[in-house]
Amino acid sequence: MNTMISALTLAITTMLTAVYTSLCHNWAALSVAILMACAIKVYVNSQKLTKFLLRKSKVSVAAAVLLGTFTPFCACGTMAVILGMLSTTLPWGPVMAFLTSSPLMSPNGFILIAGMISLRFAIALTAASLVIGLGSGFLTLLIEKKTNFLTNQNRFKDAPKPKLKAEPEPSCGCSGGQPDSKGSDHISVGKPGSSVLAKWKLDSFFSTLWTLGFRQILVNFAVFVAIGSLINLLIPSSIIQALFGGDHFWSVPLASVIGLPLYITTESSVPIIQSMLQSGASEGSMLAFIITGSATSAWVIAGLNTFMRKRAILLYVGFVLTGGILCGYLYNLFIALS
């Protein structure tokens, strides 16, 4: 009994110490990432941006990939945009391109990864997002043109088509600073001196800072730092090196498969990846882990099932898994040759 209490005390102390140390060391990168995420959420009208880049049948796969890679959509935000895309006459190519690239990278995620892991890893993940998005988009266009594999895979085909601006409330709690029915953040103005708040949307910004910045990004970051510290405490580095080391051909696909059922965001996964790298995991395997973990999970697949049918979902998962494995191997090869 005393041994169990001692072990539990050690685990809790280790986790709290790791969280405190990580916040002290990484507060600058984390702060910039949070402020950027909140600023984009409040001041960039994602609906207008989406409509500008997604113009019916004239949308290209490249535009969809750029939209997915360089906008701060998480998995649930991606679904909201996909709803609008599927309600138009868009082919499956741009839809799949956006769907595979969007959850992998965002401006704030790039800053956090570059600050905590390395600029090289952040660039690699950005490149992977572009490669997977472009590859899946053009392959999907080819599949749609040459086969009937994606015929009747859109559940909205015979259903009333939702308008893009009627964006559903995300189920993962990513709301904050969302536009109102008029397409812009609404701030009531009635009190003297409130014009500054209205002009700069400060009340929306501080509200988003609390809901998105602190309650989501910061809390998830702290939780995953704690999990990473437990990994280092409970799992010997020799085991991590044996499973995910760069010298083992199975390390990349193993990390990809482990990432598939998890729901992790780019920001929250950084502490775990950092811990695994410190214990001897290869960067390629961790790149594969973050790709599959960010783009797929049980709830994401359940969400996709509401507006996509089985073959389209299987194609999506296949693109993410294959892309994650290939990018992981290529990244390890790049590191070995550099």
Protein backbone atom coordinates (compact mmCIF):
# COMPACT_ATOMS: atom_id res chain seq x y z
CA MET A 1 0.00 0.00 0.00
CA ASN A 2 2.80 2.40 0.89
CA THR A 3 4.54 1.52 -2.37
CA MET A 4 1.41 2.37 -4.35
CA ILE A 5 1.01 5.70 -2.54
CA SER A 6 4.66 6.52 -3.15
CA ALA A 7 4.36 5.68 -6.84
CA LEU A 8 1.21 7.80 -7.18
CA THR A 9 2.87 10.70 -5.38
CA LEU A 10 5.89 10.44 -7.64
CA ALA A 11 3.69 10.41 -10.74
CA ILE A 12 1.69 13.46 -9.66
CA THR A 13 4.81 15.35 -8.64
CA THR A 14 6.47 14.49 -11.94
CA MET A 15 3.48 15.67 -13.95
CA LEU A 16 3.08 18.95 -12.06
CA THR A 17 6.80 19.66 -12.28
CA ALA A 18 6.81 18.90 -16.00
CA VAL A 19 3.83 21.18 -16.65
CA TYR A 20 5.38 24.03 -14.67
CA THR A 21 8.79 23.61 -16.31
CA SER A 22 7.31 23.41 -19.80
CA LEU A 23 5.20 26.51 -19.30
CA CYS A 24 8.22 28.42 -17.99
CA HIS A 25 10.38 27.36 -20.93
CA ASN A 26 7.79 27.64 -23.69
CA TRP A 27 5.57 30.51 -22.57
CA ALA A 28 6.70 32.77 -25.41
CA ALA A 29 5.91 30.39 -28.26
CA LEU A 30 2.71 29.28 -26.54
CA SER A 31 1.58 32.88 -25.97
CA VAL A 32 2.20 33.86 -29.58
CA ALA A 33 0.36 30.76 -30.79
CA ILE A 34 -2.65 31.49 -28.56
CA LEU A 35 -2.79 35.18 -29.51
CA MET A 36 -2.51 34.38 -33.21
CA ALA A 37 -5.21 31.69 -33.03
CA CYS A 38 -7.58 34.06 -31.23
CA ALA A 39 -6.83 37.01 -33.52
CA ILE A 40 -7.48 34.95 -36.65
CA LYS A 41 -10.65 33.55 -35.08
CA VAL A 42 -12.03 37.03 -34.34
CA TYR A 43 -10.68 39.24 -37.12
CA VAL A 44 -10.57 36.90 -40.13
CA ASN A 45 -13.99 36.12 -41.54
CA SER A 46 -13.47 32.47 -42.42
CA GLN A 47 -16.82 32.26 -44.19
CA LYS A 48 -15.97 35.06 -46.62
CA LEU A 49 -12.50 33.62 -47.13
CA THR A 50 -13.99 30.21 -47.86
CA LYS A 51 -16.51 31.65 -50.32
CA PHE A 52 -13.77 33.65 -52.05
CA LEU A 53 -11.56 30.60 -52.58
CA LEU A 54 -14.32 28.06 -53.15
CA ARG A 55 -16.20 29.36 -56.19
CA LYS A 56 -18.42 26.47 -57.30
CA SER A 57 -16.93 24.33 -60.08
CA LYS A 58 -14.05 26.73 -60.71
CA VAL A 59 -12.37 25.69 -57.48
CA SER A 60 -9.02 24.04 -58.01
CA VAL A 61 -7.42 21.42 -55.83
CA ALA A 62 -4.51 23.77 -55.19
CA ALA A 63 -6.82 26.50 -53.84
CA ALA A 64 -8.51 24.00 -51.54
CA VAL A 65 -5.13 22.81 -50.22
CA LEU A 66 -3.94 26.37 -49.60
CA LEU A 67 -7.17 27.13 -47.78
CA GLY A 68 -6.78 24.02 -45.65
CA THR A 69 -3.10 24.46 -44.86
CA PHE A 70 -2.89 28.16 -44.12
CA THR A 71 -6.14 28.72 -42.22
CA PRO A 72 -6.66 27.83 -38.54
CA PHE A 73 -9.39 25.21 -39.00
CA CYS A 74 -9.33 22.32 -36.53
CA ALA A 75 -11.06 19.04 -37.40
CA CYS A 76 -14.50 20.32 -36.44
CA GLY A 77 -13.99 23.61 -38.25
CA THR A 78 -12.98 21.57 -41.27
CA MET A 79 -16.29 19.73 -41.09
CA ALA A 80 -18.21 22.99 -41.08
CA VAL A 81 -16.51 24.06 -44.32
CA ILE A 82 -16.93 20.60 -45.86
CA LEU A 83 -20.67 20.87 -45.22
CA GLY A 84 -20.75 23.95 -47.40
CA MET A 85 -18.54 22.40 -50.08
CA LEU A 86 -20.68 19.27 -50.33
CA SER A 87 -23.83 21.36 -50.64
CA THR A 88 -22.52 22.84 -53.92
CA THR A 89 -21.67 21.22 -57.25
CA LEU A 90 -18.00 20.81 -56.35
CA PRO A 91 -16.31 17.59 -57.49
CA TRP A 92 -14.81 15.31 -54.89
CA GLY A 93 -11.22 16.33 -55.67
CA PRO A 94 -11.20 19.76 -53.95
CA VAL A 95 -13.34 18.38 -51.12
CA MET A 96 -10.85 15.59 -50.39
CA ALA A 97 -7.89 17.95 -50.81
CA PHE A 98 -9.27 20.33 -48.21
CA LEU A 99 -10.37 17.54 -45.90
CA THR A 100 -6.94 15.89 -45.78
CA SER A 101 -4.84 19.06 -45.50
CA SER A 102 -6.91 21.27 -43.18
CA PRO A 103 -6.42 19.60 -39.76
CA LEU A 104 -2.65 19.16 -40.17
CA MET A 105 -1.32 22.71 -40.06
CA SER A 106 -2.30 26.22 -39.04
CA PRO A 107 -0.30 29.45 -38.54
CA ASN A 108 -0.43 29.19 -34.76
CA GLY A 109 0.48 25.50 -34.89
CA PHE A 110 3.51 26.31 -37.03
CA ILE A 111 4.75 28.86 -34.48
CA LEU A 112 4.29 26.47 -31.55
CA ILE A 113 6.03 23.56 -33.28
CA ALA A 114 8.89 25.74 -34.47
CA GLY A 115 9.35 27.16 -30.97
CA MET A 116 9.11 23.89 -29.02
CA ILE A 117 10.42 21.21 -31.38
CA SER A 118 12.26 22.76 -34.33
CA LEU A 119 11.71 24.90 -37.37
CA ARG A 120 12.66 21.91 -39.51
CA PHE A 121 9.86 19.80 -38.07
CA ALA A 122 7.34 22.62 -38.54
CA ILE A 123 8.36 23.03 -42.18
CA ALA A 124 8.18 19.26 -42.68
CA LEU A 125 4.61 19.12 -41.34
CA THR A 126 3.61 22.05 -43.56
CA ALA A 127 5.15 20.34 -46.58
CA ALA A 128 3.38 17.10 -45.64
CA SER A 129 0.06 18.94 -45.43
CA LEU A 130 0.58 20.35 -48.93
CA VAL A 131 1.77 17.04 -50.40
CA ILE A 132 -1.03 14.96 -48.86
CA GLY A 133 -3.66 17.52 -49.84
CA LEU A 134 -2.47 17.85 -53.44
CA GLY A 135 -1.93 14.12 -53.85
CA SER A 136 -5.30 13.11 -52.43
CA GLY A 137 -7.08 15.85 -54.39
CA PHE A 138 -5.66 14.96 -57.80
CA LEU A 139 -5.97 11.21 -57.18
CA THR A 140 -9.60 11.71 -56.17
CA LEU A 141 -10.28 13.67 -59.37
CA LEU A 142 -8.78 10.76 -61.34
CA ILE A 143 -10.82 8.19 -59.42
CA GLU A 144 -14.01 10.20 -59.93
CA LYS A 145 -13.28 10.59 -63.66
CA LYS A 146 -12.30 6.99 -64.38
CA THR A 147 -14.53 5.00 -62.01
CA ASN A 148 -17.85 5.03 -60.21
CA PHE A 149 -16.21 4.55 -56.82
CA LEU A 150 -17.47 7.88 -55.43
CA THR A 151 -20.90 7.80 -57.03
CA ASN A 152 -23.67 8.51 -54.50
CA GLN A 153 -21.16 9.03 -51.67
CA ASN A 154 -22.53 12.48 -50.78
CA ARG A 155 -25.40 12.15 -48.32
CA PHE A 156 -26.53 15.69 -49.21
CA LYS A 157 -27.33 14.80 -52.80
CA ASP A 158 -31.04 14.37 -52.20
CA ALA A 159 -31.23 16.38 -48.97
CA PRO A 160 -31.94 20.09 -48.55
CA LYS A 161 -28.65 21.89 -49.13
CA PRO A 162 -27.43 23.93 -46.17
CA LYS A 163 -26.02 27.39 -46.74
CA LEU A 164 -22.36 27.87 -45.98
CA LYS A 165 -22.97 30.80 -43.69
CA ALA A 166 -25.27 28.72 -41.53
CA GLU A 167 -22.21 27.16 -39.99
CA PRO A 168 -23.10 24.51 -37.40
CA GLU A 169 -21.80 24.75 -33.88
CA PRO A 170 -18.65 22.63 -33.65
CA SER A 171 -18.99 19.61 -31.39
CA CYS A 172 -15.46 19.78 -30.06
CA GLY A 173 -15.92 23.15 -28.42
CA CYS A 174 -13.89 25.23 -30.83
CA SER A 175 -16.42 28.03 -30.81
CA GLY A 176 -15.44 31.52 -29.91
CA GLY A 177 -15.69 34.72 -31.88
CA GLN A 178 -18.00 33.10 -34.43
CA PRO A 179 -19.79 35.37 -36.89
CA ASP A 180 -23.48 36.03 -36.45
CA SER A 181 -26.18 35.60 -39.09
CA LYS A 182 -25.04 38.75 -40.86
CA GLY A 183 -21.62 37.25 -41.49
CA SER A 184 -19.59 39.31 -39.01
CA ASP A 185 -19.00 39.27 -35.31
CA HIS A 186 -21.79 41.20 -33.62
CA ILE A 187 -21.00 43.47 -30.72
CA SER A 188 -23.80 45.44 -29.16
CA VAL A 189 -23.07 49.12 -28.73
CA GLY A 190 -25.12 51.11 -26.31
CA LYS A 191 -22.93 52.51 -23.61
CA PRO A 192 -20.80 55.66 -23.97
CA GLY A 193 -17.19 54.82 -24.73
CA SER A 194 -18.06 51.42 -26.18
CA SER A 195 -17.12 52.50 -29.73
CA VAL A 196 -13.51 51.42 -29.19
CA LEU A 197 -14.65 47.97 -28.09
CA ALA A 198 -16.95 47.76 -31.10
CA LYS A 199 -14.34 48.99 -33.57
CA TRP A 200 -11.59 46.64 -32.47
CA LYS A 201 -13.88 43.78 -31.31
CA LEU A 202 -12.05 43.67 -28.01
CA ASP A 203 -14.85 41.99 -26.10
CA SER A 204 -14.98 39.22 -28.72
CA PHE A 205 -11.20 38.92 -28.64
CA PHE A 206 -11.01 38.58 -24.86
CA SER A 207 -13.94 36.16 -24.86
CA THR A 208 -12.17 34.04 -27.48
CA LEU A 209 -8.93 34.35 -25.54
CA TRP A 210 -10.67 32.70 -22.59
CA THR A 211 -12.66 30.03 -24.46
CA LEU A 212 -10.19 29.11 -27.17
CA GLY A 213 -6.86 30.27 -25.77
CA PHE A 214 -7.03 29.25 -22.12
CA ARG A 215 -9.81 26.67 -21.85
CA GLN A 216 -8.74 24.74 -24.93
CA ILE A 217 -5.20 25.36 -26.15
CA LEU A 218 -3.60 26.00 -22.76
CA VAL A 219 -5.52 23.28 -20.89
CA ASN A 220 -4.91 20.69 -23.63
CA PHE A 221 -1.27 21.70 -23.75
CA ALA A 222 -0.90 21.17 -19.99
CA VAL A 223 -2.68 17.80 -20.14
CA PHE A 224 -0.45 16.54 -22.91
CA VAL A 225 2.68 17.77 -21.12
CA ALA A 226 1.55 15.67 -18.15
CA ILE A 227 0.98 12.65 -20.39
CA GLY A 228 4.40 13.13 -21.96
CA SER A 229 6.04 13.24 -18.55
CA LEU A 230 4.31 9.97 -17.62
CA ILE A 231 5.61 8.38 -20.81
CA ASN A 232 9.14 9.33 -19.85
CA LEU A 233 8.57 8.11 -16.28
CA LEU A 234 6.86 4.80 -16.95
CA ILE A 235 8.29 3.72 -20.32
CA PRO A 236 12.06 3.25 -20.53
CA SER A 237 13.72 5.15 -23.34
CA SER A 238 15.11 1.86 -24.65
CA ILE A 239 11.58 0.65 -25.41
CA ILE A 240 10.69 3.86 -27.23
CA GLN A 241 13.91 3.62 -29.23
CA ALA A 242 13.11 0.01 -30.07
CA LEU A 243 9.57 0.81 -31.22
CA PHE A 244 9.97 4.24 -32.82
CA GLY A 245 13.69 4.59 -33.49
CA GLY A 246 14.82 5.65 -36.93
CA ASP A 247 16.73 2.41 -37.54
CA HIS A 248 13.56 0.28 -37.51
CA PHE A 249 11.41 0.11 -40.65
CA TRP A 250 8.24 -0.48 -38.62
CA SER A 251 8.54 2.68 -36.50
CA VAL A 252 6.76 4.96 -38.99
CA PRO A 253 3.74 2.72 -39.75
CA LEU A 254 3.44 1.83 -36.06
CA ALA A 255 3.26 5.50 -35.10
CA SER A 256 0.71 6.09 -37.87
CA VAL A 257 -1.54 3.28 -36.66
CA ILE A 258 -1.29 4.48 -33.05
CA GLY A 259 -2.27 7.97 -34.14
CA LEU A 260 -5.36 6.85 -36.07
CA PRO A 261 -7.85 6.43 -33.18
CA LEU A 262 -6.63 9.45 -31.22
CA TYR A 263 -8.09 12.92 -31.29
CA ILE A 264 -5.18 15.30 -31.02
CA THR A 265 -4.72 18.79 -32.31
CA THR A 266 -1.43 20.06 -33.65
CA GLU A 267 -0.98 22.24 -30.57
CA SER A 268 -1.87 19.64 -27.95
CA SER A 269 0.26 16.89 -29.49
CA VAL A 270 3.48 18.92 -29.36
CA PRO A 271 4.40 18.01 -25.73
CA ILE A 272 3.96 14.27 -26.36
CA ILE A 273 6.02 14.42 -29.53
CA GLN A 274 8.68 16.41 -27.71
CA SER A 275 8.82 13.77 -24.95
CA MET A 276 8.98 10.90 -27.43
CA LEU A 277 11.77 12.59 -29.39
CA GLN A 278 13.74 13.11 -26.19
CA SER A 279 13.36 9.40 -25.44
CA GLY A 280 14.77 8.35 -28.80
CA ALA A 281 11.86 8.29 -31.26
CA SER A 282 12.66 9.27 -34.82
CA GLU A 283 11.29 12.53 -36.21
CA GLY A 284 9.76 10.67 -39.15
CA SER A 285 7.68 8.42 -36.89
CA MET A 286 6.48 11.42 -34.89
CA LEU A 287 5.59 13.23 -38.11
CA ALA A 288 3.47 10.24 -39.10
CA PHE A 289 1.91 10.22 -35.62
CA ILE A 290 0.84 13.86 -35.73
CA ILE A 291 -0.54 13.51 -39.28
CA THR A 292 -2.81 10.56 -38.54
CA GLY A 293 -3.73 11.75 -35.05
CA SER A 294 -4.73 15.23 -36.20
CA ALA A 295 -6.76 14.12 -39.21
CA THR A 296 -8.61 11.07 -37.85
CA SER A 297 -10.29 9.92 -34.67
CA ALA A 298 -13.41 8.05 -33.65
CA TRP A 299 -15.52 11.20 -33.33
CA VAL A 300 -14.18 12.69 -36.58
CA ILE A 301 -15.10 9.55 -38.50
CA ALA A 302 -18.53 9.57 -36.85
CA GLY A 303 -18.96 13.19 -37.89
CA LEU A 304 -17.91 12.47 -41.47
CA ASN A 305 -20.43 9.64 -41.56
CA THR A 306 -23.26 12.15 -41.24
CA PHE A 307 -22.57 13.61 -44.69
CA MET A 308 -20.22 11.15 -46.42
CA ARG A 309 -20.80 7.49 -47.17
CA LYS A 310 -18.56 4.53 -46.47
CA ARG A 311 -16.41 4.48 -49.62
CA ALA A 312 -15.60 8.20 -49.39
CA ILE A 313 -14.63 7.83 -45.72
CA LEU A 314 -12.45 4.79 -46.44
CA LEU A 315 -10.72 6.74 -49.21
CA TYR A 316 -10.10 9.63 -46.81
CA VAL A 317 -8.62 7.38 -44.11
CA GLY A 318 -6.53 5.61 -46.75
CA PHE A 319 -5.10 8.91 -47.98
CA VAL A 320 -4.25 10.06 -44.45
CA LEU A 321 -2.66 6.76 -43.40
CA THR A 322 -0.71 6.30 -46.63
CA GLY A 323 0.33 9.95 -46.71
CA GLY A 324 1.46 9.87 -43.09
CA ILE A 325 3.59 6.77 -43.63
CA LEU A 326 5.18 8.03 -46.86
CA CYS A 327 5.93 11.47 -45.42
CA GLY A 328 7.42 9.88 -42.30
CA TYR A 329 9.78 7.70 -44.34
CA LEU A 330 10.74 10.59 -46.63
CA TYR A 331 11.45 12.83 -43.66
CA ASN A 332 13.67 10.21 -42.03
CA LEU A 333 15.49 9.80 -45.36
CA PHE A 334 15.93 13.57 -45.65
CA ILE A 335 17.41 13.75 -42.14
CA ALA A 336 19.76 10.84 -42.85
CA LEU A 337 21.05 12.48 -46.04
CA SER A 338 21.35 15.99 -44.64
